[in-house]
N, C-alpha and C. Protein backbone atom coordinates (compact mmCIF):
# COMPACT_ATOMS: atom_id res chain seq x y z
N UNK A 1 -162.23 62.47 -13.29
CA UNK A 1 -163.04 62.76 -12.01
C UNK A 1 -163.48 64.19 -12.11
N UNK A 2 -164.77 64.14 -11.71
CA UNK A 2 -165.30 66.19 -11.30
C UNK A 2 -164.57 66.31 -9.78
N UNK A 3 -164.15 67.38 -9.70
CA UNK A 3 -163.57 68.09 -8.52
C UNK A 3 -164.75 68.92 -7.76
N UNK A 4 -165.03 68.98 -6.82
CA UNK A 4 -165.88 69.87 -6.44
C UNK A 4 -165.31 70.53 -5.12
N UNK A 5 -165.16 72.14 -5.04
CA UNK A 5 -165.46 72.97 -3.69
C UNK A 5 -165.39 72.33 -2.52
N UNK A 6 -164.23 72.27 -2.17
CA UNK A 6 -164.94 71.98 -0.62
C UNK A 6 -165.86 73.23 -0.08
N UNK A 7 -166.30 72.57 1.34
CA UNK A 7 -167.46 73.86 2.04
C UNK A 7 -166.44 73.77 3.24
N UNK A 8 -166.15 74.72 3.35
CA UNK A 8 -165.71 75.28 4.66
C UNK A 8 -166.32 75.58 5.87
N UNK A 9 -166.42 74.72 6.57
CA UNK A 9 -167.36 74.97 8.13
C UNK A 9 -167.07 75.57 9.29
N UNK A 10 -165.77 75.55 8.98
CA UNK A 10 -165.41 76.03 10.39
C UNK A 10 -163.87 77.56 10.20
N UNK A 11 -163.33 77.58 10.70
CA UNK A 11 -162.12 78.06 10.34
C UNK A 11 -160.95 77.51 10.69
N UNK A 12 -161.01 76.01 10.84
CA UNK A 12 -159.65 75.43 11.05
C UNK A 12 -158.93 75.41 9.55
N UNK A 13 -157.34 75.22 9.78
CA UNK A 13 -156.60 75.13 8.95
C UNK A 13 -157.02 73.92 7.84
N UNK A 14 -156.39 73.89 6.55
CA UNK A 14 -156.96 73.19 5.24
C UNK A 14 -155.84 72.06 5.57
N UNK A 15 -156.44 70.65 4.54
CA UNK A 15 -155.63 69.71 4.58
C UNK A 15 -154.31 70.27 3.64
N UNK A 16 -154.15 71.35 2.82
CA UNK A 16 -153.22 71.76 2.15
C UNK A 16 -152.33 72.62 3.15
N UNK A 17 -152.69 73.42 3.78
CA UNK A 17 -151.57 74.01 4.80
C UNK A 17 -151.34 73.29 5.22
N UNK A 18 -152.22 72.10 6.12
CA UNK A 18 -151.23 71.65 7.44
C UNK A 18 -149.88 70.60 6.14
N UNK A 19 -150.35 69.88 4.74
CA UNK A 19 -149.09 69.69 4.00
C UNK A 19 -147.98 70.33 3.92
N UNK A 20 -148.65 71.42 3.42
CA UNK A 20 -147.30 72.59 3.45
C UNK A 20 -146.51 72.97 4.65
N UNK A 21 -146.94 72.44 5.57
CA UNK A 21 -145.82 72.73 7.04
C UNK A 21 -145.20 71.64 7.04
N UNK A 22 -145.08 70.08 6.69
CA UNK A 22 -144.39 69.11 7.39
C UNK A 22 -143.29 68.84 6.23
N UNK A 23 -142.31 67.77 6.77
CA UNK A 23 -141.76 67.68 5.52
C UNK A 23 -141.58 67.19 4.41
N UNK A 24 -141.55 67.48 3.20
CA UNK A 24 -141.60 67.13 1.96
C UNK A 24 -141.01 65.81 2.07
N UNK A 25 -142.15 65.33 1.07
CA UNK A 25 -141.97 63.73 0.88
C UNK A 25 -142.43 62.94 1.86
N UNK A 26 -142.83 63.33 2.98
CA UNK A 26 -143.08 62.19 4.17
C UNK A 26 -144.82 61.61 3.87
N UNK A 27 -145.45 62.57 3.40
CA UNK A 27 -147.10 62.06 3.04
C UNK A 27 -147.07 62.50 1.63
N UNK A 28 -147.90 61.28 0.55
CA UNK A 28 -148.57 61.67 -0.66
C UNK A 28 -150.00 61.81 -0.65
N UNK A 29 -150.24 62.53 -1.29
CA UNK A 29 -151.76 62.80 -1.43
C UNK A 29 -152.03 61.85 -2.49
N UNK A 30 -152.83 60.67 -2.27
CA UNK A 30 -153.30 59.85 -3.69
C UNK A 30 -154.26 60.19 -4.27
N UNK A 31 -155.55 60.48 -3.76
CA UNK A 31 -156.43 61.02 -4.04
C UNK A 31 -157.37 61.70 -2.60
N UNK A 32 -158.06 62.92 -3.38
CA UNK A 32 -158.41 64.06 -2.74
C UNK A 32 -159.80 64.09 -3.30
N UNK A 33 -161.08 63.64 -3.45
CA UNK A 33 -162.01 63.73 -3.79
C UNK A 33 -162.57 65.07 -3.68
N UNK A 34 -162.48 65.95 -2.59
CA UNK A 34 -163.27 67.55 -2.32
C UNK A 34 -162.01 68.10 -2.16
N UNK A 35 -160.77 67.69 -2.48
CA UNK A 35 -159.76 69.29 -3.06
C UNK A 35 -158.91 68.97 -1.79
N UNK A 36 -157.80 70.37 -1.69
CA UNK A 36 -156.94 69.90 -0.74
C UNK A 36 -157.31 70.91 0.39
N UNK A 37 -158.11 71.77 0.26
CA UNK A 37 -159.34 72.55 1.17
C UNK A 37 -160.01 72.18 2.33
N UNK A 38 -159.56 70.77 2.55
CA UNK A 38 -161.18 70.44 3.53
C UNK A 38 -160.24 70.68 4.42
N UNK A 39 -161.00 71.28 5.77
CA UNK A 39 -160.78 71.58 6.66
C UNK A 39 -160.21 70.39 7.52
N UNK A 40 -158.86 70.57 8.91
CA UNK A 40 -158.93 69.77 9.63
C UNK A 40 -158.93 69.96 11.19
N UNK A 41 -159.46 68.75 12.00
CA UNK A 41 -159.78 69.54 13.18
C UNK A 41 -158.44 68.95 13.82
N UNK A 42 -158.36 67.99 13.84
CA UNK A 42 -157.03 66.81 14.62
C UNK A 42 -156.77 65.60 13.41
N UNK A 43 -155.44 65.50 14.49
CA UNK A 43 -154.54 64.25 14.13
C UNK A 43 -154.61 63.20 14.83
N UNK A 44 -154.94 61.92 14.60
CA UNK A 44 -155.18 61.23 15.52
C UNK A 44 -154.81 59.42 15.03
N UNK A 45 -153.73 58.90 15.84
CA UNK A 45 -153.52 57.55 15.37
C UNK A 45 -154.80 57.16 15.56
N UNK A 46 -155.19 55.50 14.82
CA UNK A 46 -156.36 54.77 13.99
C UNK A 46 -155.82 53.53 14.57
N UNK A 47 -156.57 52.24 15.53
CA UNK A 47 -156.28 51.22 15.15
C UNK A 47 -157.59 50.31 14.88
N UNK A 48 -157.60 50.29 13.16
CA UNK A 48 -158.58 49.37 12.41
C UNK A 48 -159.43 48.38 13.37
N UNK A 49 -158.81 47.43 13.93
CA UNK A 49 -159.10 46.43 14.69
C UNK A 49 -159.89 46.85 16.02
N UNK A 50 -159.58 47.98 16.76
CA UNK A 50 -160.13 48.33 17.57
C UNK A 50 -161.32 48.03 17.75
N UNK A 51 -162.25 47.62 18.85
CA UNK A 51 -163.25 47.27 18.77
C UNK A 51 -164.82 48.56 19.06
N UNK A 52 -165.82 48.79 19.00
CA UNK A 52 -166.78 49.97 19.29
C UNK A 52 -167.69 49.49 19.28
N UNK A 53 -168.25 49.93 20.75
CA UNK A 53 -169.11 49.13 21.38
C UNK A 53 -170.65 49.67 20.57
N UNK A 54 -171.08 50.85 20.26
CA UNK A 54 -172.10 50.92 19.26
C UNK A 54 -172.21 50.37 17.85
N UNK A 55 -170.83 50.50 17.37
CA UNK A 55 -170.56 50.04 15.88
C UNK A 55 -170.35 51.47 14.92
N UNK A 56 -170.61 52.27 16.13
CA UNK A 56 -170.55 53.80 15.19
C UNK A 56 -169.88 54.49 15.73
N UNK A 57 -168.57 55.73 14.94
CA UNK A 57 -167.98 56.34 16.00
C UNK A 57 -167.74 57.45 15.03
N UNK A 58 -167.24 58.97 15.50
CA UNK A 58 -167.67 60.12 14.64
C UNK A 58 -165.95 60.22 14.63
N UNK A 59 -164.99 60.69 13.35
CA UNK A 59 -163.77 61.70 12.89
C UNK A 59 -164.05 62.54 12.41
N UNK A 60 -165.24 63.14 12.55
CA UNK A 60 -165.38 64.90 11.82
C UNK A 60 -163.91 65.51 11.56
N UNK A 61 -163.37 65.98 10.15
CA UNK A 61 -162.29 66.36 10.28
C UNK A 61 -161.07 66.24 10.59
N UNK A 62 -161.04 65.31 10.66
CA UNK A 62 -159.65 64.55 11.43
C UNK A 62 -158.67 63.59 10.18
N UNK A 63 -157.40 63.81 10.43
CA UNK A 63 -156.60 62.82 9.98
C UNK A 63 -156.16 61.79 10.64
N UNK A 64 -156.76 60.46 10.09
CA UNK A 64 -156.56 59.13 10.76
C UNK A 64 -155.07 58.52 10.10
N UNK A 65 -154.40 58.61 11.08
CA UNK A 65 -153.19 57.85 10.84
C UNK A 65 -153.35 56.04 11.06
N UNK A 66 -153.69 55.33 10.58
CA UNK A 66 -153.88 53.86 10.63
C UNK A 66 -152.98 53.04 10.55
N UNK A 67 -152.57 52.85 11.21
CA UNK A 67 -150.93 51.82 11.76
C UNK A 67 -151.70 50.97 11.45
N UNK A 68 -149.89 50.15 11.14
CA UNK A 68 -150.57 48.80 10.47
C UNK A 68 -150.86 48.58 9.63
N UNK A 69 -151.34 49.45 8.66
CA UNK A 69 -152.41 48.97 7.27
C UNK A 69 -152.06 50.11 6.10
N UNK A 70 -151.51 48.88 5.30
CA UNK A 70 -150.85 49.03 3.84
C UNK A 70 -151.74 48.78 3.11
N UNK A 71 -151.47 50.13 1.85
CA UNK A 71 -152.30 50.50 0.76
C UNK A 71 -152.84 49.19 -0.07
N UNK A 72 -152.37 48.30 -0.08
CA UNK A 72 -152.71 46.94 -0.77
C UNK A 72 -152.65 45.98 0.01
N UNK A 73 -153.49 46.36 1.37
CA UNK A 73 -153.58 44.85 1.74
C UNK A 73 -155.61 44.75 1.92
N UNK A 74 -155.72 43.60 1.88
CA UNK A 74 -157.46 43.89 1.79
C UNK A 74 -158.01 44.61 3.39
N UNK A 75 -157.64 44.65 3.96
CA UNK A 75 -158.10 45.47 4.97
C UNK A 75 -157.97 47.12 4.78
N UNK A 76 -157.16 47.60 3.87
CA UNK A 76 -157.43 49.06 3.40
C UNK A 76 -158.95 49.81 3.24
N UNK A 77 -159.17 48.93 1.86
CA UNK A 77 -160.68 49.13 1.64
C UNK A 77 -161.89 49.68 3.14
N UNK A 78 -161.61 48.48 3.92
CA UNK A 78 -162.71 48.71 4.94
C UNK A 78 -162.20 49.90 5.82
N UNK A 79 -160.74 50.12 5.62
CA UNK A 79 -160.21 51.26 6.69
C UNK A 79 -160.71 52.74 6.01
N UNK A 80 -160.45 52.94 4.49
CA UNK A 80 -161.18 53.83 4.22
C UNK A 80 -162.93 54.24 3.66
N UNK A 81 -163.21 53.07 3.96
CA UNK A 81 -164.67 53.60 3.71
C UNK A 81 -165.34 53.78 5.42
N UNK A 82 -164.51 53.15 6.43
CA UNK A 82 -164.87 53.40 7.66
C UNK A 82 -164.73 55.08 7.76
N UNK A 83 -163.66 55.51 7.43
CA UNK A 83 -163.27 56.43 7.99
C UNK A 83 -163.87 57.65 6.85
N UNK A 84 -164.35 57.55 5.35
CA UNK A 84 -165.00 58.20 5.10
C UNK A 84 -166.40 58.37 5.47
N UNK A 85 -167.14 57.17 5.99
CA UNK A 85 -168.66 56.78 6.73
C UNK A 85 -168.54 57.89 8.36
N UNK A 86 -167.11 57.78 8.97
CA UNK A 86 -167.39 58.55 9.96
C UNK A 86 -167.11 60.17 9.85
N UNK A 87 -166.29 60.66 8.51
CA UNK A 87 -166.58 61.94 8.28
C UNK A 87 -165.20 62.30 8.45
N UNK A 88 -164.13 61.64 8.28
CA UNK A 88 -162.91 62.06 8.41
C UNK A 88 -162.30 62.69 7.03
N UNK A 89 -161.82 63.88 7.48
CA UNK A 89 -160.68 64.67 6.98
C UNK A 89 -160.12 63.83 5.82
N UNK A 90 -159.26 62.79 5.90
CA UNK A 90 -158.20 62.47 5.43
C UNK A 90 -157.84 60.67 6.62
N UNK A 91 -157.05 60.17 5.68
CA UNK A 91 -156.29 58.72 6.10
C UNK A 91 -155.63 58.69 5.81
N UNK A 92 -154.29 58.36 6.72
CA UNK A 92 -153.08 58.00 6.06
C UNK A 92 -153.01 56.28 6.29
N UNK A 93 -152.05 55.77 4.90
CA UNK A 93 -152.02 54.35 5.52
C UNK A 93 -150.56 54.14 4.33
N UNK A 94 -150.19 52.73 4.77
CA UNK A 94 -148.47 52.83 4.86
C UNK A 94 -148.44 52.46 3.05
N UNK A 95 -147.61 53.27 2.49
CA UNK A 95 -147.60 53.31 0.84
C UNK A 95 -147.29 51.72 0.65
N UNK A 96 -146.40 51.15 0.76
CA UNK A 96 -145.89 49.68 0.57
C UNK A 96 -145.39 49.49 -0.84
N UNK A 97 -144.97 48.32 -0.84
CA UNK A 97 -143.97 48.31 -2.59
C UNK A 97 -145.16 48.06 -3.56
N UNK A 98 -146.20 47.79 -3.12
CA UNK A 98 -146.91 47.66 -4.45
C UNK A 98 -148.50 48.71 -4.84
N UNK A 99 -148.24 49.42 -4.11
CA UNK A 99 -149.02 50.54 -4.16
C UNK A 99 -150.64 49.94 -3.79
N UNK A 100 -151.54 51.38 -3.99
CA UNK A 100 -152.96 50.99 -3.82
C UNK A 100 -153.68 49.86 -4.73
N UNK A 101 -154.44 49.11 -4.82
CA UNK A 101 -155.35 48.46 -5.29
C UNK A 101 -156.47 49.24 -6.10
N UNK A 102 -157.16 49.04 -6.89
CA UNK A 102 -157.81 49.95 -7.67
C UNK A 102 -159.35 49.97 -7.32
N UNK A 103 -159.54 48.81 -6.49
CA UNK A 103 -161.07 49.30 -6.02
C UNK A 103 -160.53 49.85 -4.87
N UNK A 104 -159.40 50.19 -3.94
CA UNK A 104 -159.12 51.39 -3.23
C UNK A 104 -159.49 52.36 -3.61
N UNK A 105 -158.44 52.62 -5.01
CA UNK A 105 -158.84 53.98 -5.71
C UNK A 105 -160.01 54.76 -6.22
N UNK A 106 -160.98 53.37 -7.10
CA UNK A 106 -162.06 54.05 -6.85
C UNK A 106 -162.94 54.10 -5.39
N UNK A 107 -162.82 53.69 -4.45
CA UNK A 107 -163.49 53.90 -3.52
C UNK A 107 -162.97 55.41 -2.66
N UNK A 108 -161.84 55.76 -2.71
CA UNK A 108 -161.35 56.76 -2.41
C UNK A 108 -162.19 58.21 -3.38
N UNK A 109 -161.76 58.07 -4.59
CA UNK A 109 -162.01 58.85 -5.58
C UNK A 109 -164.04 58.99 -5.66
N UNK A 110 -164.52 58.04 -5.15
CA UNK A 110 -165.86 58.34 -4.83
C UNK A 110 -166.70 59.05 -3.46
N UNK A 111 -165.56 58.44 -2.88
CA UNK A 111 -165.96 59.05 -1.34
C UNK A 111 -165.71 60.42 -0.88
N UNK A 112 -165.64 61.13 -0.04
CA UNK A 112 -165.24 62.38 0.71
C UNK A 112 -163.88 62.15 1.71
N UNK A 113 -163.24 61.34 1.96
CA UNK A 113 -162.02 61.49 2.68
C UNK A 113 -160.97 61.18 1.75
N UNK A 114 -159.91 62.38 1.77
CA UNK A 114 -158.88 61.89 1.28
C UNK A 114 -157.73 60.94 1.59
N UNK A 115 -157.37 59.93 0.62
CA UNK A 115 -156.25 58.87 0.81
C UNK A 115 -154.75 59.54 0.85
N UNK A 116 -154.22 59.44 1.79
CA UNK A 116 -152.53 59.62 1.79
C UNK A 116 -151.88 58.58 2.11
N UNK A 117 -150.69 58.92 1.73
CA UNK A 117 -149.52 57.54 2.20
C UNK A 117 -148.39 57.93 2.70
N UNK A 118 -148.10 57.08 3.41
CA UNK A 118 -146.81 57.20 4.40
C UNK A 118 -145.24 56.90 3.50
N UNK A 119 -144.41 57.86 3.85
CA UNK A 119 -143.11 57.11 2.83
C UNK A 119 -142.61 55.96 3.51
N UNK A 120 -142.13 55.10 2.53
CA UNK A 120 -141.25 54.04 3.61
C UNK A 120 -140.39 54.58 4.33
N UNK A 121 -140.17 53.61 5.30
CA UNK A 121 -139.25 54.02 6.40
C UNK A 121 -139.56 54.89 7.50
N UNK A 122 -140.20 56.05 7.17
CA UNK A 122 -140.79 57.05 7.90
C UNK A 122 -141.45 56.37 9.25
N UNK A 123 -141.07 56.94 10.21
CA UNK A 123 -142.05 56.23 11.28
C UNK A 123 -143.38 57.06 11.62
N UNK A 124 -144.45 56.29 12.24
CA UNK A 124 -145.44 57.03 12.55
C UNK A 124 -145.73 58.16 13.56
N UNK A 125 -144.51 58.08 14.27
CA UNK A 125 -144.31 58.74 15.27
C UNK A 125 -144.06 60.43 15.24
N UNK A 126 -142.65 60.38 14.42
CA UNK A 126 -142.99 61.34 13.57
C UNK A 126 -143.86 61.87 12.85
N UNK A 127 -144.22 61.15 11.88
CA UNK A 127 -145.19 61.88 10.86
C UNK A 127 -146.79 62.17 12.15
N UNK A 128 -146.73 61.61 13.09
CA UNK A 128 -147.83 61.93 14.03
C UNK A 128 -147.58 63.24 14.43
N UNK A 129 -146.01 63.96 14.63
CA UNK A 129 -145.38 64.76 15.74
C UNK A 129 -145.56 66.28 14.68
N UNK A 130 -145.10 65.50 13.21
CA UNK A 130 -144.95 66.69 12.35
C UNK A 130 -146.36 67.26 12.11
N UNK A 131 -147.27 66.60 11.78
CA UNK A 131 -148.58 67.24 11.56
C UNK A 131 -149.31 67.46 13.41
N UNK A 132 -149.02 67.32 13.86
CA UNK A 132 -149.45 67.83 15.16
C UNK A 132 -149.10 69.36 15.54
N UNK A 133 -147.45 69.10 14.84
CA UNK A 133 -147.06 70.62 14.86
C UNK A 133 -147.56 71.28 13.82
N UNK A 134 -147.68 71.15 12.58
CA UNK A 134 -148.15 72.05 11.78
C UNK A 134 -149.58 72.13 12.16
N UNK A 135 -150.36 71.40 13.01
CA UNK A 135 -152.23 72.02 12.65
C UNK A 135 -152.21 72.99 14.43
N UNK A 136 -150.78 72.85 15.06
CA UNK A 136 -150.74 73.86 16.14
C UNK A 136 -150.14 75.31 15.50
N UNK A 137 -149.45 75.02 14.55
CA UNK A 137 -148.36 76.22 13.90
C UNK A 137 -149.71 76.85 12.37
N UNK A 138 -150.62 76.66 12.52
CA UNK A 138 -151.54 76.81 11.34
C UNK A 138 -153.05 77.39 11.97
N UNK A 139 -153.28 77.18 13.75
CA UNK A 139 -154.32 77.45 14.21
C UNK A 139 -154.33 79.03 14.27
N UNK A 140 -155.37 79.74 14.14
CA UNK A 140 -156.14 81.02 14.14
C UNK A 140 -155.06 81.74 15.53
N UNK A 141 -154.69 82.49 15.53
CA UNK A 141 -154.09 83.44 16.70
C UNK A 141 -152.59 82.93 16.71
N UNK A 142 -151.55 81.73 16.36
CA UNK A 142 -150.70 80.97 16.58
C UNK A 142 -149.72 82.24 16.48
N UNK A 143 -148.72 82.44 17.02
CA UNK A 143 -147.57 83.76 16.57
C UNK A 143 -148.25 84.96 16.77
N UNK A 144 -149.13 85.42 17.25
CA UNK A 144 -149.77 86.67 16.97
C UNK A 144 -149.32 87.29 18.04
N UNK A 145 -149.27 88.63 18.36
CA UNK A 145 -148.51 89.71 19.66
C UNK A 145 -150.09 89.86 20.02
N UNK A 146 -149.81 89.50 22.21
CA UNK A 146 -151.24 89.60 22.45
C UNK A 146 -151.22 91.15 22.84
N UNK A 147 -150.26 91.90 22.90
CA UNK A 147 -150.07 93.69 23.45
C UNK A 147 -150.61 93.42 24.45
N UNK A 148 -150.44 92.99 25.76
CA UNK A 148 -150.15 93.08 26.86
C UNK A 148 -149.66 93.98 27.50
N UNK A 149 -149.75 94.67 28.40
CA UNK A 149 -148.54 95.40 29.26
C UNK A 149 -147.86 94.66 30.02
N UNK A 150 -147.81 93.91 30.43
CA UNK A 150 -146.44 92.93 31.25
C UNK A 150 -145.83 92.12 30.49
N UNK A 151 -146.25 92.00 28.78
CA UNK A 151 -145.84 91.15 28.30
C UNK A 151 -144.24 91.53 27.81
N UNK A 152 -143.20 90.79 27.66
CA UNK A 152 -142.08 91.14 27.55
C UNK A 152 -141.89 91.57 26.09
N UNK A 153 -140.81 92.95 25.90
CA UNK A 153 -140.45 93.49 24.73
C UNK A 153 -139.15 93.09 24.25
């Protein structure tokens, strides 16, 4: 598999930075076709069964947490392809006992969206919380001193 250097289109933190700030082992990168440097704009819960009015949606730069979807389920391939068409940075699926099917791995390798898995027993709420916290902590300007005269010293 040939790796490509990601094109950074904004100043957002990279997937690698976000993953480096969460608990080790919480998520595993299965396939990252554009590498770990893809920019991340936000983290959202994704309900693949939710109807959309126009059939099209945008998820540019998002990490989608596909709640209820196991990597071995037939729905996993549709979720990954939809996320890829929508421009998602990554999609997170439940790891499951059997691992991803070959078709899912091939689709991930030929797409642009990273495929990640959630550790068994890890709650979606905790994953969402840690990813959102990591995103906030890696945002430009986080933790910088403002230098205001009325700021406490």
